[in-house]
């Protein structure tokens, strides 16, 4: 699996709301980091990706709710990492997404 290089030229593709969520598959160039600072965009480093478990992130990117998905994923990943000791990025991502999907199903039931 390759890494994604985030530069000034493609930076806007990765900003959701006012946040850029970094994970082990992304590399941020110094110029892009400087641009984020100028814009006041928050950089979050976490292995949980900025994907919504209930499949509505593309909609959220347009209606402004995507940062709630990010916050939920980051929070769940932190709890799983702390309480269950899962540190492998792929396993943490998998368990986090599965957990959030179950939460989403129970909320919509």
PDB file of N, CA and C in Angstrom:
ATOM      1  N   UNK A   1       0.847  -1.178   0.000  1.00  0.00           N
ATOM      2  CA  UNK A   1       0.000   0.000   0.000  1.00  0.00           C
ATOM      3  C   UNK A   1       0.888   1.235   0.000  1.00  0.00           C
ATOM      4  N   UNK A   2       0.636   2.153  -0.939  1.00  0.00           N
ATOM      5  CA  UNK A   2       1.428   3.358  -1.053  1.00  0.00           C
ATOM      6  C   UNK A   2       0.968   4.448  -0.104  1.00  0.00           C
ATOM      7  N   UNK A   3       1.804   5.440   0.004  1.00  0.00           N
ATOM      8  CA  UNK A   3       1.486   6.594   0.841  1.00  0.00           C
ATOM      9  C   UNK A   3       0.921   7.709  -0.035  1.00  0.00           C
ATOM     10  N   UNK A   4       0.114   8.559   0.554  1.00  0.00           N
ATOM     11  CA  UNK A   4      -0.442   9.712  -0.137  1.00  0.00           C
ATOM     12  C   UNK A   4       0.318  10.947   0.306  1.00  0.00           C
ATOM     13  N   UNK A   5       0.884  11.665  -0.654  1.00  0.00           N
ATOM     14  CA  UNK A   5       1.623  12.891  -0.366  1.00  0.00           C
ATOM     15  C   UNK A   5       0.658  14.061  -0.443  1.00  0.00           C
ATOM     16  N   UNK A   6       0.527  14.785   0.661  1.00  0.00           N
ATOM     17  CA  UNK A   6      -0.356  15.950   0.708  1.00  0.00           C
ATOM     18  C   UNK A   6       0.514  17.187   0.529  1.00  0.00           C
ATOM     19  N   UNK A   7       0.227  17.931  -0.543  1.00  0.00           N
ATOM     20  CA  UNK A   7       0.982  19.131  -0.890  1.00  0.00           C
ATOM     21  C   UNK A   7       0.049  20.335  -0.907  1.00  0.00           C
ATOM     22  N   UNK A   8       0.600  21.494  -1.158  1.00  0.00           N
ATOM     23  CA  UNK A   8      -0.233  22.699  -1.285  1.00  0.00           C
ATOM     24  C   UNK A   8      -1.233  22.526  -2.427  1.00  0.00           C
ATOM     25  N   UNK A   9      -0.806  21.859  -3.491  1.00  0.00           N
ATOM     26  CA  UNK A   9      -1.654  21.708  -4.674  1.00  0.00           C
ATOM     27  C   UNK A   9      -2.882  20.829  -4.440  1.00  0.00           C
ATOM     28  N   UNK A  10      -2.777  19.799  -3.595  1.00  0.00           N
ATOM     29  CA  UNK A  10      -3.917  18.896  -3.394  1.00  0.00           C
ATOM     30  C   UNK A  10      -4.492  18.980  -1.974  1.00  0.00           C
ATOM     31  N   UNK A  11      -4.062  19.948  -1.215  1.00  0.00           N
ATOM     32  CA  UNK A  11      -4.429  20.088   0.196  1.00  0.00           C
ATOM     33  C   UNK A  11      -5.940  20.137   0.427  1.00  0.00           C
ATOM     34  N   UNK A  12      -6.653  20.860  -0.420  1.00  0.00           N
ATOM     35  CA  UNK A  12      -8.096  21.038  -0.207  1.00  0.00           C
ATOM     36  C   UNK A  12      -8.881  19.728  -0.302  1.00  0.00           C
ATOM     37  N   UNK A  13      -8.333  18.734  -0.974  1.00  0.00           N
ATOM     38  CA  UNK A  13      -9.002  17.439  -1.086  1.00  0.00           C
ATOM     39  C   UNK A  13      -9.075  16.715   0.256  1.00  0.00           C
ATOM     40  N   UNK A  14      -8.210  17.076   1.187  1.00  0.00           N
ATOM     41  CA  UNK A  14      -8.094  16.340   2.441  1.00  0.00           C
ATOM     42  C   UNK A  14      -8.634  17.101   3.651  1.00  0.00           C
ATOM     43  N   UNK A  15      -9.033  18.344   3.460  1.00  0.00           N
ATOM     44  CA  UNK A  15      -9.565  19.151   4.559  1.00  0.00           C
ATOM     45  C   UNK A  15     -11.065  18.909   4.651  1.00  0.00           C
ATOM     46  N   UNK A  16     -11.525  18.560   5.850  1.00  0.00           N
ATOM     47  CA  UNK A  16     -12.946  18.343   6.116  1.00  0.00           C
ATOM     48  C   UNK A  16     -13.344  19.278   7.230  1.00  0.00           C
ATOM     49  N   UNK A  17     -14.282  20.174   6.916  1.00  0.00           N
ATOM     50  CA  UNK A  17     -14.625  21.195   7.895  1.00  0.00           C
ATOM     51  C   UNK A  17     -13.431  22.105   8.052  1.00  0.00           C
ATOM     52  N   UNK A  18     -12.894  22.149   9.237  1.00  0.00           N
ATOM     53  CA  UNK A  18     -11.681  22.932   9.505  1.00  0.00           C
ATOM     54  C   UNK A  18     -10.610  22.020  10.089  1.00  0.00           C
ATOM     55  N   UNK A  19     -10.553  20.764   9.574  1.00  0.00           N
ATOM     56  CA  UNK A  19      -9.649  19.771  10.145  1.00  0.00           C
ATOM     57  C   UNK A  19      -9.044  18.908   9.045  1.00  0.00           C
ATOM     58  N   UNK A  20      -7.788  18.560   9.229  1.00  0.00           N
ATOM     59  CA  UNK A  20      -7.105  17.577   8.393  1.00  0.00           C
ATOM     60  C   UNK A  20      -6.720  16.421   9.296  1.00  0.00           C
ATOM     61  N   UNK A  21      -7.263  15.243   9.022  1.00  0.00           N
ATOM     62  CA  UNK A  21      -6.953  14.068   9.834  1.00  0.00           C
ATOM     63  C   UNK A  21      -5.841  13.297   9.132  1.00  0.00           C
ATOM     64  N   UNK A  22      -4.722  13.157   9.816  1.00  0.00           N
ATOM     65  CA  UNK A  22      -3.578  12.421   9.285  1.00  0.00           C
ATOM     66  C   UNK A  22      -3.588  11.004   9.832  1.00  0.00           C
ATOM     67  N   UNK A  23      -3.110  10.069   9.004  1.00  0.00           N
ATOM     68  CA  UNK A  23      -2.904   8.707   9.456  1.00  0.00           C
ATOM     69  C   UNK A  23      -1.616   8.193   8.839  1.00  0.00           C
ATOM     70  N   UNK A  24      -1.312   6.934   9.053  1.00  0.00           N
ATOM     71  CA  UNK A  24      -0.036   6.384   8.605  1.00  0.00           C
ATOM     72  C   UNK A  24       0.081   6.287   7.091  1.00  0.00           C
ATOM     73  N   UNK A  25      -1.005   6.495   6.362  1.00  0.00           N
ATOM     74  CA  UNK A  25      -0.974   6.422   4.906  1.00  0.00           C
ATOM     75  C   UNK A  25      -0.758   7.790   4.253  1.00  0.00           C
ATOM     76  N   UNK A  26      -0.617   8.839   5.061  1.00  0.00           N
ATOM     77  CA  UNK A  26      -0.477  10.196   4.523  1.00  0.00           C
ATOM     78  C   UNK A  26       0.838  10.824   4.958  1.00  0.00           C
ATOM     79  N   UNK A  27       1.420  11.596   4.036  1.00  0.00           N
ATOM     80  CA  UNK A  27       2.627  12.364   4.319  1.00  0.00           C
ATOM     81  C   UNK A  27       2.311  13.819   4.001  1.00  0.00           C
ATOM     82  N   UNK A  28       2.588  14.713   4.934  1.00  0.00           N
ATOM     83  CA  UNK A  28       2.305  16.132   4.788  1.00  0.00           C
ATOM     84  C   UNK A  28       3.603  16.881   4.521  1.00  0.00           C
ATOM     85  N   UNK A  29       3.657  17.627   3.417  1.00  0.00           N
ATOM     86  CA  UNK A  29       4.870  18.381   3.106  1.00  0.00           C
ATOM     87  C   UNK A  29       4.957  19.608   4.014  1.00  0.00           C
ATOM     88  N   UNK A  30       6.159  20.121   4.241  1.00  0.00           N
ATOM     89  CA  UNK A  30       6.306  21.322   5.064  1.00  0.00           C
ATOM     90  C   UNK A  30       5.517  22.515   4.513  1.00  0.00           C
ATOM     91  N   UNK A  31       5.484  22.673   3.203  1.00  0.00           N
ATOM     92  CA  UNK A  31       4.726  23.772   2.607  1.00  0.00           C
ATOM     93  C   UNK A  31       3.239  23.650   2.881  1.00  0.00           C
ATOM     94  N   UNK A  32       2.720  22.424   2.807  1.00  0.00           N
ATOM     95  CA  UNK A  32       1.305  22.192   3.093  1.00  0.00           C
ATOM     96  C   UNK A  32       1.019  22.468   4.567  1.00  0.00           C
ATOM     97  N   UNK A  33       1.939  22.063   5.443  1.00  0.00           N
ATOM     98  CA  UNK A  33       1.770  22.328   6.881  1.00  0.00           C
ATOM     99  C   UNK A  33       1.724  23.845   7.133  1.00  0.00           C
ATOM    100  N   UNK A  34       2.596  24.587   6.490  1.00  0.00           N
ATOM    101  CA  UNK A  34       2.596  26.049   6.643  1.00  0.00           C
ATOM    102  C   UNK A  34       1.276  26.649   6.174  1.00  0.00           C
ATOM    103  N   UNK A  35       0.758  26.145   5.050  1.00  0.00           N
ATOM    104  CA  UNK A  35      -0.516  26.638   4.515  1.00  0.00           C
ATOM    105  C   UNK A  35      -1.666  26.344   5.486  1.00  0.00           C
ATOM    106  N   UNK A  36      -1.649  25.168   6.092  1.00  0.00           N
ATOM    107  CA  UNK A  36      -2.674  24.833   7.086  1.00  0.00           C
ATOM    108  C   UNK A  36      -2.629  25.794   8.259  1.00  0.00           C
ATOM    109  N   UNK A  37      -1.430  26.115   8.712  1.00  0.00           N
ATOM    110  CA  UNK A  37      -1.276  27.066   9.822  1.00  0.00           C
ATOM    111  C   UNK A  37      -1.821  28.432   9.434  1.00  0.00           C
ATOM    112  N   UNK A  38      -1.521  28.888   8.219  1.00  0.00           N
ATOM    113  CA  UNK A  38      -2.023  30.193   7.744  1.00  0.00           C
ATOM    114  C   UNK A  38      -3.546  30.224   7.736  1.00  0.00           C
ATOM    115  N   UNK A  39      -4.156  29.105   7.338  1.00  0.00           N
ATOM    116  CA  UNK A  39      -5.619  29.020   7.245  1.00  0.00           C
ATOM    117  C   UNK A  39      -6.284  28.729   8.583  1.00  0.00           C
ATOM    118  N   UNK A  40      -5.507  28.343   9.573  1.00  0.00           N
ATOM    119  CA  UNK A  40      -6.072  27.997  10.869  1.00  0.00           C
ATOM    120  C   UNK A  40      -6.734  26.630  10.888  1.00  0.00           C
ATOM    121  N   UNK A  41      -6.301  25.744  10.001  1.00  0.00           N
ATOM    122  CA  UNK A  41      -6.861  24.394   9.932  1.00  0.00           C
ATOM    123  C   UNK A  41      -6.168  23.517  10.963  1.00  0.00           C
ATOM    124  N   UNK A  42      -6.956  22.784  11.732  1.00  0.00           N
ATOM    125  CA  UNK A  42      -6.435  21.882  12.765  1.00  0.00           C
ATOM    126  C   UNK A  42      -5.924  20.607  12.120  1.00  0.00           C
ATOM    127  N   UNK A  43      -4.754  20.144  12.553  1.00  0.00           N
ATOM    128  CA  UNK A  43      -4.207  18.873  12.086  1.00  0.00           C
ATOM    129  C   UNK A  43      -4.372  17.864  13.212  1.00  0.00           C
ATOM    130  N   UNK A  44      -5.034  16.757  12.909  1.00  0.00           N
ATOM    131  CA  UNK A  44      -5.249  15.707  13.891  1.00  0.00           C
ATOM    132  C   UNK A  44      -4.496  14.470  13.444  1.00  0.00           C
ATOM    133  N   UNK A  45      -3.669  13.927  14.341  1.00  0.00           N
ATOM    134  CA  UNK A  45      -2.909  12.725  14.029  1.00  0.00           C
ATOM    135  C   UNK A  45      -3.556  11.543  14.719  1.00  0.00           C
ATOM    136  N   UNK A  46      -4.140  10.649  13.937  1.00  0.00           N
ATOM    137  CA  UNK A  46      -4.803   9.481  14.486  1.00  0.00           C
ATOM    138  C   UNK A  46      -4.857   8.405  13.428  1.00  0.00           C
ATOM    139  N   UNK A  47      -4.875   7.166  13.854  1.00  0.00           N
ATOM    140  CA  UNK A  47      -4.935   6.059  12.914  1.00  0.00           C
ATOM    141  C   UNK A  47      -6.343   5.830  12.382  1.00  0.00           C
ATOM    142  N   UNK A  48      -7.351   6.362  13.057  1.00  0.00           N
ATOM    143  CA  UNK A  48      -8.703   6.242  12.514  1.00  0.00           C
ATOM    144  C   UNK A  48      -8.816   7.208  11.351  1.00  0.00           C
ATOM    145  N   UNK A  49      -9.271   6.764  10.234  1.00  0.00           N
ATOM    146  CA  UNK A  49      -9.373   7.602   9.060  1.00  0.00           C
ATOM    147  C   UNK A  49     -10.614   8.455   9.130  1.00  0.00           C
ATOM    148  N   UNK A  50     -10.659   9.418   8.267  1.00  0.00           N
ATOM    149  CA  UNK A  50     -11.786  10.339   8.244  1.00  0.00           C
ATOM    150  C   UNK A  50     -12.896   9.807   7.370  1.00  0.00           C
ATOM    151  N   UNK A  51     -13.271   8.572   7.573  1.00  0.00           N
ATOM    152  CA  UNK A  51     -14.356   7.970   6.827  1.00  0.00           C
ATOM    153  C   UNK A  51     -15.505   7.692   7.774  1.00  0.00           C
ATOM    154  N   UNK A  52     -16.675   7.932   7.284  1.00  0.00           N
ATOM    155  CA  UNK A  52     -17.873   7.759   8.084  1.00  0.00           C
ATOM    156  C   UNK A  52     -18.358   6.321   7.962  1.00  0.00           C
ATOM    157  N   UNK A  53     -18.601   5.657   9.058  1.00  0.00           N
ATOM    158  CA  UNK A  53     -18.976   4.242   9.041  1.00  0.00           C
ATOM    159  C   UNK A  53     -20.361   4.008   8.451  1.00  0.00           C
ATOM    160  N   UNK A  54     -21.197   5.020   8.418  1.00  0.00           N
ATOM    161  CA  UNK A  54     -22.529   4.791   7.855  1.00  0.00           C
ATOM    162  C   UNK A  54     -22.634   5.296   6.424  1.00  0.00           C
ATOM    163  N   UNK A  55     -21.490   5.557   5.770  1.00  0.00           N
ATOM    164  CA  UNK A  55     -21.458   5.818   4.343  1.00  0.00           C
ATOM    165  C   UNK A  55     -21.993   7.147   3.893  1.00  0.00           C
ATOM    166  N   UNK A  56     -22.043   8.141   4.752  1.00  0.00           N
ATOM    167  CA  UNK A  56     -22.608   9.424   4.373  1.00  0.00           C
ATOM    168  C   UNK A  56     -21.565  10.534   4.339  1.00  0.00           C
ATOM    169  N   UNK A  57     -20.284  10.209   4.331  1.00  0.00           N
ATOM    170  CA  UNK A  57     -19.266  11.247   4.372  1.00  0.00           C
ATOM    171  C   UNK A  57     -19.300  12.150   3.146  1.00  0.00           C
ATOM    172  N   UNK A  58     -19.610  11.612   1.984  1.00  0.00           N
ATOM    173  CA  UNK A  58     -19.668  12.467   0.806  1.00  0.00           C
ATOM    174  C   UNK A  58     -20.762  13.511   0.979  1.00  0.00           C
ATOM    175  N   UNK A  59     -21.866  13.116   1.588  1.00  0.00           N
ATOM    176  CA  UNK A  59     -22.934  14.074   1.879  1.00  0.00           C
ATOM    177  C   UNK A  59     -22.473  15.059   2.948  1.00  0.00           C
ATOM    178  N   UNK A  60     -21.817  14.557   3.974  1.00  0.00           N
ATOM    179  CA  UNK A  60     -21.364  15.406   5.067  1.00  0.00           C
ATOM    180  C   UNK A  60     -20.353  16.436   4.600  1.00  0.00           C
ATOM    181  N   UNK A  61     -19.538  16.089   3.629  1.00  0.00           N
ATOM    182  CA  UNK A  61     -18.548  17.038   3.125  1.00  0.00           C
ATOM    183  C   UNK A  61     -19.232  18.270   2.549  1.00  0.00           C
ATOM    184  N   UNK A  62     -20.487  18.109   2.107  1.00  0.00           N
ATOM    185  CA  UNK A  62     -21.207  19.230   1.515  1.00  0.00           C
ATOM    186  C   UNK A  62     -22.101  19.946   2.514  1.00  0.00           C
ATOM    187  N   UNK A  63     -22.562  19.253   3.548  1.00  0.00           N
ATOM    188  CA  UNK A  63     -23.490  19.903   4.478  1.00  0.00           C
ATOM    189  C   UNK A  63     -22.859  20.289   5.811  1.00  0.00           C
ATOM    190  N   UNK A  64     -21.543  20.069   5.967  1.00  0.00           N
ATOM    191  CA  UNK A  64     -20.841  20.556   7.142  1.00  0.00           C
ATOM    192  C   UNK A  64     -20.847  19.652   8.342  1.00  0.00           C
ATOM    193  N   UNK A  65     -21.353  18.420   8.254  1.00  0.00           N
ATOM    194  CA  UNK A  65     -21.420  17.533   9.403  1.00  0.00           C
ATOM    195  C   UNK A  65     -20.263  16.550   9.492  1.00  0.00           C
ATOM    196  N   UNK A  66     -19.312  16.631   8.561  1.00  0.00           N
ATOM    197  CA  UNK A  66     -18.256  15.630   8.523  1.00  0.00           C
ATOM    198  C   UNK A  66     -17.361  15.665   9.747  1.00  0.00           C
ATOM    199  N   UNK A  67     -17.175  16.812  10.371  1.00  0.00           N
ATOM    200  CA  UNK A  67     -16.274  16.821  11.521  1.00  0.00           C
ATOM    201  C   UNK A  67     -16.865  16.063  12.706  1.00  0.00           C
ATOM    202  N   UNK A  68     -18.180  15.891  12.762  1.00  0.00           N
ATOM    203  CA  UNK A  68     -18.773  15.055  13.801  1.00  0.00           C
ATOM    204  C   UNK A  68     -18.367  13.596  13.600  1.00  0.00           C
ATOM    205  N   UNK A  69     -18.345  13.152  12.346  1.00  0.00           N
ATOM    206  CA  UNK A  69     -17.900  11.786  12.046  1.00  0.00           C
ATOM    207  C   UNK A  69     -16.445  11.620  12.447  1.00  0.00           C
ATOM    208  N   UNK A  70     -15.621  12.611  12.103  1.00  0.00           N
ATOM    209  CA  UNK A  70     -14.205  12.559  12.462  1.00  0.00           C
ATOM    210  C   UNK A  70     -14.035  12.470  13.975  1.00  0.00           C
ATOM    211  N   UNK A  71     -14.752  13.313  14.691  1.00  0.00           N
ATOM    212  CA  UNK A  71     -14.642  13.322  16.150  1.00  0.00           C
ATOM    213  C   UNK A  71     -15.070  11.988  16.746  1.00  0.00           C
ATOM    214  N   UNK A  72     -16.143  11.417  16.225  1.00  0.00           N
ATOM    215  CA  UNK A  72     -16.614  10.122  16.717  1.00  0.00           C
ATOM    216  C   UNK A  72     -15.571   9.043  16.466  1.00  0.00           C
ATOM    217  N   UNK A  73     -15.042   8.978  15.243  1.00  0.00           N
ATOM    218  CA  UNK A  73     -14.043   7.964  14.911  1.00  0.00           C
ATOM    219  C   UNK A  73     -12.781   8.112  15.756  1.00  0.00           C
ATOM    220  N   UNK A  74     -12.331   9.335  15.927  1.00  0.00           N
ATOM    221  CA  UNK A  74     -11.127   9.583  16.720  1.00  0.00           C
ATOM    222  C   UNK A  74     -11.360   9.185  18.172  1.00  0.00           C
ATOM    223  N   UNK A  75     -12.521   9.545  18.711  1.00  0.00           N
ATOM    224  CA  UNK A  75     -12.830   9.201  20.098  1.00  0.00           C
ATOM    225  C   UNK A  75     -12.941   7.702  20.318  1.00  0.00           C
ATOM    226  N   UNK A  76     -13.638   7.025  19.407  1.00  0.00           N
ATOM    227  CA  UNK A  76     -13.780   5.571  19.532  1.00  0.00           C
ATOM    228  C   UNK A  76     -12.418   4.893  19.404  1.00  0.00           C
ATOM    229  N   UNK A  77     -11.607   5.340  18.446  1.00  0.00           N
ATOM    230  CA  UNK A  77     -10.265   4.754  18.271  1.00  0.00           C
ATOM    231  C   UNK A  77      -9.415   4.947  19.519  1.00  0.00           C
ATOM    232  N   UNK A  78      -9.499   6.115  20.128  1.00  0.00           N
ATOM    233  CA  UNK A  78      -8.722   6.370  21.346  1.00  0.00           C
ATOM    234  C   UNK A  78      -9.158   5.452  22.481  1.00  0.00           C
ATOM    235  N   UNK A  79     -10.467   5.255  22.631  1.00  0.00           N
ATOM    236  CA  UNK A  79     -10.984   4.361  23.683  1.00  0.00           C
ATOM    237  C   UNK A  79     -10.530   2.929  23.439  1.00  0.00           C
ATOM    238  N   UNK A  80     -10.663   2.469  22.203  1.00  0.00           N
ATOM    239  CA  UNK A  80     -10.249   1.095  21.872  1.00  0.00           C
ATOM    240  C   UNK A  80      -8.758   0.917  22.117  1.00  0.00           C
ATOM    241  N   UNK A  81      -7.976   1.889  21.699  1.00  0.00           N
ATOM    242  CA  UNK A  81      -6.519   1.809  21.880  1.00  0.00           C
ATOM    243  C   UNK A  81      -6.157   1.766  23.367  1.00  0.00           C
ATOM    244  N   UNK A  82      -6.776   2.622  24.154  1.00  0.00           N
ATOM    245  CA  UNK A  82      -6.465   2.701  25.583  1.00  0.00           C
ATOM    246  C   UNK A  82      -6.960   1.483  26.354  1.00  0.00           C
ATOM    247  N   UNK A  83      -8.203   1.092  26.136  1.00  0.00           N
ATOM    248  CA  UNK A  83      -8.804   0.044  26.958  1.00  0.00           C
ATOM    249  C   UNK A  83      -8.500  -1.378  26.499  1.00  0.00           C
ATOM    250  N   UNK A  84      -8.247  -1.545  25.216  1.00  0.00           N
ATOM    251  CA  UNK A  84      -8.012  -2.892  24.695  1.00  0.00           C
ATOM    252  C   UNK A  84      -6.590  -3.099  24.189  1.00  0.00           C
ATOM    253  N   UNK A  85      -5.789  -2.055  24.216  1.00  0.00           N
ATOM    254  CA  UNK A  85      -4.385  -2.176  23.852  1.00  0.00           C
ATOM    255  C   UNK A  85      -4.129  -2.470  22.380  1.00  0.00           C
ATOM    256  N   UNK A  86      -5.076  -2.175  21.520  1.00  0.00           N
ATOM    257  CA  UNK A  86      -4.872  -2.406  20.087  1.00  0.00           C
ATOM    258  C   UNK A  86      -4.058  -1.242  19.533  1.00  0.00           C
ATOM    259  N   UNK A  87      -2.874  -1.545  19.051  1.00  0.00           N
ATOM    260  CA  UNK A  87      -1.999  -0.492  18.534  1.00  0.00           C
ATOM    261  C   UNK A  87      -1.675  -0.656  17.050  1.00  0.00           C
ATOM    262  N   UNK A  88      -1.925  -1.841  16.492  1.00  0.00           N
ATOM    263  CA  UNK A  88      -1.688  -2.036  15.070  1.00  0.00           C
ATOM    264  C   UNK A  88      -2.654  -1.142  14.288  1.00  0.00           C
ATOM    265  N   UNK A  89      -2.134  -0.251  13.417  1.00  0.00           N
ATOM    266  CA  UNK A  89      -3.008   0.703  12.724  1.00  0.00           C
ATOM    267  C   UNK A  89      -4.142   0.062  11.928  1.00  0.00           C
ATOM    268  N   UNK A  90      -3.853  -1.014  11.210  1.00  0.00           N
ATOM    269  CA  UNK A  90      -4.900  -1.660  10.411  1.00  0.00           C
ATOM    270  C   UNK A  90      -5.972  -2.297  11.296  1.00  0.00           C
ATOM    271  N   UNK A  91      -5.544  -2.955  12.357  1.00  0.00           N
ATOM    272  CA  UNK A  91      -6.489  -3.579  13.278  1.00  0.00           C
ATOM    273  C   UNK A  91      -7.317  -2.517  14.007  1.00  0.00           C
ATOM    274  N   UNK A  92      -6.659  -1.429  14.430  1.00  0.00           N
ATOM    275  CA  UNK A  92      -7.362  -0.341  15.113  1.00  0.00           C
ATOM    276  C   UNK A  92      -8.401   0.278  14.187  1.00  0.00           C
ATOM    277  N   UNK A  93      -8.047   0.500  12.946  1.00  0.00           N
ATOM    278  CA  UNK A  93      -8.973   1.066  11.964  1.00  0.00           C
ATOM    279  C   UNK A  93     -10.171   0.135  11.780  1.00  0.00           C
ATOM    280  N   UNK A  94      -9.900  -1.163  11.615  1.00  0.00           N
ATOM    281  CA  UNK A  94     -10.962  -2.153  11.396  1.00  0.00           C
ATOM    282  C   UNK A  94     -11.928  -2.205  12.582  1.00  0.00           C
ATOM    283  N   UNK A  95     -11.387  -2.323  13.785  1.00  0.00           N
ATOM    284  CA  UNK A  95     -12.224  -2.427  14.987  1.00  0.00           C
ATOM    285  C   UNK A  95     -12.998  -1.125  15.209  1.00  0.00           C
ATOM    286  N   UNK A  96     -12.367   0.007  14.962  1.00  0.00           N
ATOM    287  CA  UNK A  96     -13.043   1.297  15.129  1.00  0.00           C
ATOM    288  C   UNK A  96     -14.222   1.416  14.174  1.00  0.00           C
ATOM    289  N   UNK A  97     -14.007   1.113  12.907  1.00  0.00           N
ATOM    290  CA  UNK A  97     -15.087   1.227  11.927  1.00  0.00           C
ATOM    291  C   UNK A  97     -16.211   0.253  12.220  1.00  0.00           C
ATOM    292  N   UNK A  98     -15.875  -0.962  12.647  1.00  0.00           N
ATOM    293  CA  UNK A  98     -16.907  -1.938  13.007  1.00  0.00           C
ATOM    294  C   UNK A  98     -17.715  -1.461  14.209  1.00  0.00           C
ATOM    295  N   UNK A  99     -17.033  -0.905  15.195  1.00  0.00           N
ATOM    296  CA  UNK A  99     -17.707  -0.418  16.402  1.00  0.00           C
ATOM    297  C   UNK A  99     -18.648   0.735  16.077  1.00  0.00           C
ATOM    298  N   UNK A 100     -18.184   1.683  15.282  1.00  0.00           N
ATOM    299  CA  UNK A 100     -19.021   2.829  14.920  1.00  0.00           C
ATOM    300  C   UNK A 100     -20.201   2.382  14.056  1.00  0.00           C
ATOM    301  N   UNK A 101     -19.995   1.395  13.202  1.00  0.00           N
ATOM    302  CA  UNK A 101     -21.098   0.877  12.390  1.00  0.00           C
ATOM    303  C   UNK A 101     -22.178   0.262  13.271  1.00  0.00           C
ATOM    304  N   UNK A 102     -21.771  -0.492  14.306  1.00  0.00           N
ATOM    305  CA  UNK A 102     -22.739  -1.088  15.231  1.00  0.00           C
ATOM    306  C   UNK A 102     -23.483   0.004  16.003  1.00  0.00           C
ATOM    307  N   UNK A 103     -22.756   1.021  16.440  1.00  0.00           N
ATOM    308  CA  UNK A 103     -23.398   2.146  17.132  1.00  0.00           C
ATOM    309  C   UNK A 103     -24.414   2.800  16.220  1.00  0.00           C
ATOM    310  N   UNK A 104     -24.025   3.044  14.959  1.00  0.00           N
ATOM    311  CA  UNK A 104     -24.929   3.670  14.003  1.00  0.00           C
ATOM    312  C   UNK A 104     -26.180   2.858  13.753  1.00  0.00           C
ATOM    313  N   UNK A 105     -26.014   1.527  13.640  1.00  0.00           N
ATOM    314  CA  UNK A 105     -27.178   0.667  13.415  1.00  0.00           C
ATOM    315  C   UNK A 105     -28.130   0.717  14.595  1.00  0.00           C
ATOM    316  N   UNK A 106     -27.577   0.714  15.811  1.00  0.00           N
ATOM    317  CA  UNK A 106     -28.454   0.730  16.987  1.00  0.00           C
ATOM    318  C   UNK A 106     -29.156   2.078  17.145  1.00  0.00           C
ATOM    319  N   UNK A 107     -28.521   3.154  16.677  1.00  0.00           N
ATOM    320  CA  UNK A 107     -29.160   4.462  16.758  1.00  0.00           C
ATOM    321  C   UNK A 107     -30.287   4.614  15.740  1.00  0.00           C
ATOM    322  N   UNK A 108     -30.126   3.941  14.594  1.00  0.00           N
ATOM    323  CA  UNK A 108     -31.120   4.069  13.531  1.00  0.00           C
ATOM    324  C   UNK A 108     -32.157   2.945  13.570  1.00  0.00           C
ATOM    325  N   UNK A 109     -32.090   2.073  14.570  1.00  0.00           N
ATOM    326  CA  UNK A 109     -33.029   0.934  14.644  1.00  0.00           C
ATOM    327  C   UNK A 109     -34.368   1.367  15.206  1.00  0.00           C
TER     328      UNK A 109
END
